[in-house]
Amino acid sequence: MDSYIVKPGKKIDITDYDPDDESQFSQGKQAGLERLSELTQKLDKLQEILYAEHKHKILVVLQARDAGGKDGTIRAVLSGINPQGVNIVSFKVPTAIELDHDYLWRIHQHLPAKGEMVVFNRSHYEDVLVVRVHNLITMDECKRRYTQIKQFEQMQAEEGTTILKLFLNVSKDEQKKRFQERLDIPEKNWKFNPGDLSERDLWPDYSKAYEDAINETSTSFSPWYIIPANHNWYRNLCVAEILVNTLESLDMHYPVPTTDLSQVVIK
């Protein structure tokens, strides 16, 4: 998955990343789904060791445009994991209490503890995306926040948190298709928000905001991945590969018993 990492210091143009790309798995959808099944089983075992060892902390940041597939990714990749030790946090519009604090206050409360994996469905990056596009902060304030976010993430990394930031890159045509499905399929009507259409009109502004945020905050300790997201199976496969590869790299082990279990007799 290294081809999808934004290297620190490299300035990317987001339009150079093809949302239809399937180049890292050439065997097709059916084989990809079989591989995904293997990976989710590995992920289940690795997460169990993560929880048991009680040493590492994992933070996964999922960002995407509306209908980009954040919920679907979470369901497909994490559905087989024991929910003990895994938390999914969705960040909505800040509450009145949250607005009375700095923008990172509500984030800090949900960071992973030792042995935990936390997935952010949207995140602190909303505070350099939505607020920028809607001119709720100036560009100077936005640039200051890039620096603050990098410092915040560096502190978490130095305290033992492994951070993965995934931008699910969907095309405008694919977003239109998914919005239409929400209108056409009764079971999906609840997901349709007319306000999403006004956000869609701001597509170029969001493209620039994402591009700048990624360029300014992809670091060695908290890299961004730009994941092709037009094809659900490929998106899910990429995310699963990244999670498994990352957890395997931590060289985790079940803790050694503190007593000699060979002498234990259960009567």
Protein backbone atom coordinates (compact mmCIF):
# COMPACT_ATOMS: atom_id res chain seq x y z
CA MET A 1 0.00 0.00 0.00
CA ASP A 2 3.04 2.29 -0.04
CA SER A 3 1.95 3.72 -3.40
CA TYR A 4 -0.97 5.41 -1.64
CA ILE A 5 1.12 7.06 1.11
CA VAL A 6 1.70 10.80 0.81
CA LYS A 7 5.39 11.14 1.57
CA PRO A 8 6.25 13.86 4.10
CA GLY A 9 7.36 17.02 2.35
CA LYS A 10 6.02 15.91 -1.04
CA LYS A 11 3.36 18.27 -2.37
CA ILE A 12 0.58 16.35 -4.09
CA ASP A 13 -2.13 17.39 -6.50
CA ILE A 14 -5.25 15.53 -5.47
CA THR A 15 -6.46 15.31 -9.07
CA ASP A 16 -3.47 13.06 -9.83
CA TYR A 17 -5.06 10.31 -7.69
CA ASP A 18 -7.52 8.16 -9.63
CA PRO A 19 -10.59 7.17 -7.57
CA ASP A 20 -11.12 4.25 -9.98
CA ASP A 21 -7.65 2.82 -9.47
CA GLU A 22 -7.40 -0.94 -8.81
CA SER A 23 -3.74 -1.31 -9.72
CA GLN A 24 -2.51 -2.87 -6.47
CA PHE A 25 -4.70 -5.95 -6.83
CA SER A 26 -4.90 -7.28 -10.39
CA GLN A 27 -6.86 -10.48 -9.71
CA GLY A 28 -10.29 -8.88 -9.78
CA LYS A 29 -13.22 -8.34 -7.46
CA GLN A 30 -14.00 -11.94 -6.49
CA ALA A 31 -10.40 -12.70 -5.57
CA GLY A 32 -10.29 -9.36 -3.79
CA LEU A 33 -13.27 -10.28 -1.65
CA GLU A 34 -11.63 -13.60 -0.76
CA ARG A 35 -8.45 -11.75 0.19
CA LEU A 36 -10.50 -9.32 2.28
CA SER A 37 -12.01 -12.26 4.18
CA GLU A 38 -8.52 -13.54 4.97
CA LEU A 39 -7.42 -10.11 6.12
CA THR A 40 -10.40 -9.56 8.41
CA GLN A 41 -9.64 -12.87 10.11
CA LYS A 42 -6.02 -11.79 10.58
CA LEU A 43 -7.20 -8.45 11.87
CA ASP A 44 -9.42 -10.14 14.44
CA LYS A 45 -6.46 -12.12 15.80
CA LEU A 46 -4.11 -9.14 15.75
CA GLN A 47 -6.61 -6.96 17.58
CA GLU A 48 -6.97 -9.65 20.23
CA ILE A 49 -3.20 -9.60 20.78
CA LEU A 50 -3.23 -5.79 20.80
CA TYR A 51 -5.83 -5.86 23.58
CA ALA A 52 -4.12 -8.63 25.55
CA GLU A 53 -0.63 -7.15 25.38
CA HIS A 54 -1.94 -3.77 26.58
CA LYS A 55 1.01 -1.89 25.17
CA HIS A 56 0.21 -0.24 21.85
CA LYS A 57 -2.46 2.31 20.93
CA ILE A 58 -3.95 2.57 17.41
CA LEU A 59 -5.77 5.59 15.99
CA VAL A 60 -7.36 5.34 12.55
CA VAL A 61 -8.65 8.58 11.04
CA LEU A 62 -11.20 8.17 8.23
CA GLN A 63 -11.95 11.23 6.15
CA ALA A 64 -14.00 11.44 2.96
CA ARG A 65 -16.45 13.60 1.11
CA ASP A 66 -20.15 12.93 1.61
CA ALA A 67 -20.99 9.38 0.40
CA GLY A 68 -17.28 8.59 0.32
CA GLY A 69 -17.75 5.26 2.12
CA LYS A 70 -16.63 5.79 5.70
CA ASP A 71 -19.50 3.80 7.23
CA GLY A 72 -19.21 1.04 4.63
CA THR A 73 -15.48 0.72 5.23
CA ILE A 74 -15.98 0.36 8.97
CA ARG A 75 -18.67 -2.31 8.49
CA ALA A 76 -16.67 -4.31 5.95
CA VAL A 77 -13.25 -4.18 7.58
CA LEU A 78 -14.08 -4.25 11.29
CA SER A 79 -17.28 -6.31 11.36
CA GLY A 80 -15.51 -9.49 12.46
CA ILE A 81 -13.54 -7.93 15.30
CA ASN A 82 -14.39 -8.42 18.95
CA PRO A 83 -15.85 -5.04 19.94
CA GLN A 84 -13.95 -5.19 23.22
CA GLY A 85 -11.01 -2.87 22.78
CA VAL A 86 -12.32 -1.20 19.62
CA ASN A 87 -14.18 2.11 19.61
CA ILE A 88 -15.77 3.91 16.67
CA VAL A 89 -16.19 7.64 17.22
CA SER A 90 -18.29 9.78 14.87
CA PHE A 91 -17.76 13.52 15.07
CA LYS A 92 -20.81 15.59 14.19
CA VAL A 93 -21.38 19.35 14.36
CA PRO A 94 -19.80 20.54 17.64
CA THR A 95 -22.13 20.94 20.60
CA ALA A 96 -22.41 24.18 22.58
CA ILE A 97 -20.14 22.75 25.27
CA GLU A 98 -17.56 21.65 22.70
CA LEU A 99 -17.60 25.09 21.08
CA ASP A 100 -16.75 26.61 24.46
CA HIS A 101 -13.41 24.77 24.33
CA ASP A 102 -10.61 24.65 21.79
CA TYR A 103 -11.33 22.57 18.69
CA LEU A 104 -9.08 19.69 19.82
CA TRP A 105 -10.73 19.36 23.24
CA ARG A 106 -13.43 16.94 22.08
CA ILE A 107 -10.85 14.92 20.14
CA HIS A 108 -8.54 14.37 23.09
CA GLN A 109 -11.30 12.69 25.10
CA HIS A 110 -11.64 9.88 22.56
CA LEU A 111 -8.01 8.98 21.90
CA PRO A 112 -7.09 5.31 22.38
CA ALA A 113 -5.77 3.94 25.64
CA LYS A 114 -3.20 1.15 25.77
CA GLY A 115 -4.50 -1.96 24.06
CA GLU A 116 -7.21 -0.05 22.19
CA MET A 117 -7.97 0.69 18.57
CA VAL A 118 -10.06 3.80 17.94
CA VAL A 119 -11.51 4.71 14.55
CA PHE A 120 -12.51 8.31 13.94
CA ASN A 121 -15.39 8.66 11.47
CA ARG A 122 -14.53 12.25 10.57
CA SER A 123 -12.12 13.92 12.95
CA HIS A 124 -10.22 17.03 13.97
CA TYR A 125 -9.59 17.58 10.26
CA GLU A 126 -13.14 18.90 9.92
CA ASP A 127 -11.70 22.00 11.60
CA VAL A 128 -9.45 22.71 8.62
CA LEU A 129 -11.93 21.50 5.99
CA VAL A 130 -15.58 22.48 6.53
CA VAL A 131 -14.79 25.64 8.47
CA ARG A 132 -12.29 26.70 5.82
CA VAL A 133 -14.61 26.05 2.88
CA HIS A 134 -17.38 28.03 4.59
CA ASN A 135 -15.00 30.85 5.54
CA LEU A 136 -15.56 30.39 9.26
CA ILE A 137 -11.83 30.81 9.80
CA THR A 138 -9.24 32.80 7.88
CA MET A 139 -6.42 31.17 5.93
CA ASP A 140 -3.99 32.39 8.58
CA GLU A 141 -6.04 30.60 11.25
CA CYS A 142 -6.18 27.52 9.07
CA LYS A 143 -2.40 27.47 8.63
CA ARG A 144 -1.97 27.87 12.37
CA ARG A 145 -4.24 24.88 12.88
CA TYR A 146 -2.13 22.75 10.52
CA THR A 147 0.83 23.40 12.82
CA GLN A 148 -1.22 22.69 15.94
CA ILE A 149 -2.56 19.44 14.49
CA LYS A 150 0.93 18.25 13.59
CA GLN A 151 2.16 19.05 17.10
CA PHE A 152 -0.88 17.33 18.62
CA GLU A 153 -0.32 14.19 16.54
CA GLN A 154 3.41 14.21 17.24
CA MET A 155 2.70 14.25 20.96
CA GLN A 156 0.34 11.28 20.58
CA ALA A 157 2.92 9.38 18.52
CA GLU A 158 5.64 10.06 21.08
CA GLU A 159 3.27 8.75 23.78
CA GLY A 160 2.96 5.45 21.89
CA THR A 161 0.00 5.94 19.55
CA THR A 162 0.25 4.60 16.01
CA ILE A 163 -1.70 6.97 13.76
CA LEU A 164 -3.10 6.08 10.34
CA LYS A 165 -4.96 8.72 8.35
CA LEU A 166 -7.02 7.52 5.39
CA PHE A 167 -8.66 9.79 2.84
CA LEU A 168 -11.25 7.79 0.91
CA ASN A 169 -11.04 9.40 -2.51
CA VAL A 170 -14.35 9.24 -4.39
CA SER A 171 -15.10 10.94 -7.72
CA LYS A 172 -17.84 13.49 -8.28
CA ASP A 173 -19.64 11.14 -10.69
CA GLU A 174 -19.55 8.30 -8.16
CA GLN A 175 -20.85 10.60 -5.44
CA LYS A 176 -23.77 11.55 -7.73
CA LYS A 177 -24.53 7.85 -8.26
CA ARG A 178 -24.53 7.18 -4.51
CA PHE A 179 -26.73 10.18 -3.77
CA GLN A 180 -29.19 8.96 -6.41
CA GLU A 181 -29.28 5.52 -4.77
CA ARG A 182 -30.24 7.19 -1.51
CA LEU A 183 -33.21 8.73 -3.31
CA ASP A 184 -34.21 5.67 -5.32
CA ILE A 185 -33.89 2.94 -2.68
CA PRO A 186 -36.43 3.35 0.15
CA GLU A 187 -34.14 1.67 2.68
CA LYS A 188 -31.52 4.31 1.96
CA ASN A 189 -33.80 7.35 2.04
CA TRP A 190 -32.83 8.07 5.64
CA LYS A 191 -29.26 8.67 4.55
CA PHE A 192 -30.18 11.42 2.10
CA ASN A 193 -29.57 14.94 3.36
CA PRO A 194 -30.58 17.78 1.02
CA GLY A 195 -27.80 19.83 2.57
CA ASP A 196 -25.27 17.46 0.99
CA LEU A 197 -26.19 18.91 -2.41
CA SER A 198 -25.10 22.40 -1.40
CA GLU A 199 -21.83 20.91 -0.16
CA ARG A 200 -21.48 19.11 -3.50
CA ASP A 201 -21.63 22.49 -5.26
CA LEU A 202 -18.43 23.35 -3.37
CA TRP A 203 -16.52 20.38 -4.82
CA PRO A 204 -13.49 22.42 -6.05
CA ASP A 205 -13.22 24.20 -2.71
CA TYR A 206 -13.22 20.92 -0.80
CA SER A 207 -10.66 19.48 -3.23
CA LYS A 208 -8.30 22.35 -2.46
CA ALA A 209 -8.97 22.14 1.28
CA TYR A 210 -8.23 18.40 1.35
CA GLU A 211 -5.15 18.83 -0.81
CA ASP A 212 -3.70 21.52 1.46
CA ALA A 213 -4.54 19.63 4.67
CA ILE A 214 -2.90 16.46 3.38
CA ASN A 215 0.17 18.30 2.11
CA GLU A 216 0.62 20.16 5.38
CA THR A 217 0.00 17.29 7.81
CA SER A 218 1.30 14.06 6.24
CA THR A 219 4.28 13.21 8.42
CA SER A 220 6.48 10.24 9.22
CA PHE A 221 4.62 9.75 12.52
CA SER A 222 1.10 10.27 11.11
CA PRO A 223 1.05 9.67 7.34
CA TRP A 224 -1.90 10.21 5.04
CA TYR A 225 -3.01 7.50 2.63
CA ILE A 226 -5.15 8.48 -0.38
CA ILE A 227 -7.33 5.43 -1.00
CA PRO A 228 -9.21 4.95 -4.31
CA ALA A 229 -12.83 4.69 -3.16
CA ASN A 230 -15.03 4.37 -6.25
CA HIS A 231 -15.05 0.56 -5.95
CA ASN A 232 -16.14 -0.54 -2.48
CA TRP A 233 -14.39 -3.91 -2.57
CA TYR A 234 -11.06 -2.34 -3.52
CA ARG A 235 -11.39 0.45 -0.97
CA ASN A 236 -12.09 -2.07 1.78
CA LEU A 237 -9.25 -4.30 0.66
CA CYS A 238 -6.76 -1.41 0.76
CA VAL A 239 -7.83 -0.33 4.23
CA ALA A 240 -7.65 -3.91 5.54
CA GLU A 241 -4.17 -4.39 4.06
CA ILE A 242 -2.94 -1.18 5.69
CA LEU A 243 -4.35 -2.13 9.10
CA VAL A 244 -2.98 -5.67 9.01
CA ASN A 245 0.44 -4.56 7.78
CA THR A 246 0.62 -1.90 10.49
CA LEU A 247 -0.38 -4.21 13.32
CA GLU A 248 2.00 -6.94 12.15
CA SER A 249 4.85 -4.42 12.11
CA LEU A 250 4.36 -3.81 15.85
CA ASP A 251 5.63 -7.34 16.61
CA MET A 252 2.99 -7.89 19.28
CA HIS A 253 2.82 -10.93 21.57
CA TYR A 254 0.42 -12.39 24.08
CA PRO A 255 1.62 -11.54 27.60
CA VAL A 256 3.53 -14.21 29.48
CA PRO A 257 1.63 -15.55 32.53
CA THR A 258 2.95 -14.20 35.81
CA THR A 259 2.49 -17.58 37.53
CA ASP A 260 3.46 -21.14 36.64
CA LEU A 261 0.25 -22.43 35.07
CA SER A 262 1.62 -25.98 34.88
CA GLN A 263 0.98 -26.28 38.61
CA VAL A 264 -2.66 -25.19 38.39
CA VAL A 265 -5.23 -27.94 38.91
CA ILE A 266 -8.91 -27.27 38.25
CA LYS A 267 -11.01 -29.57 40.41
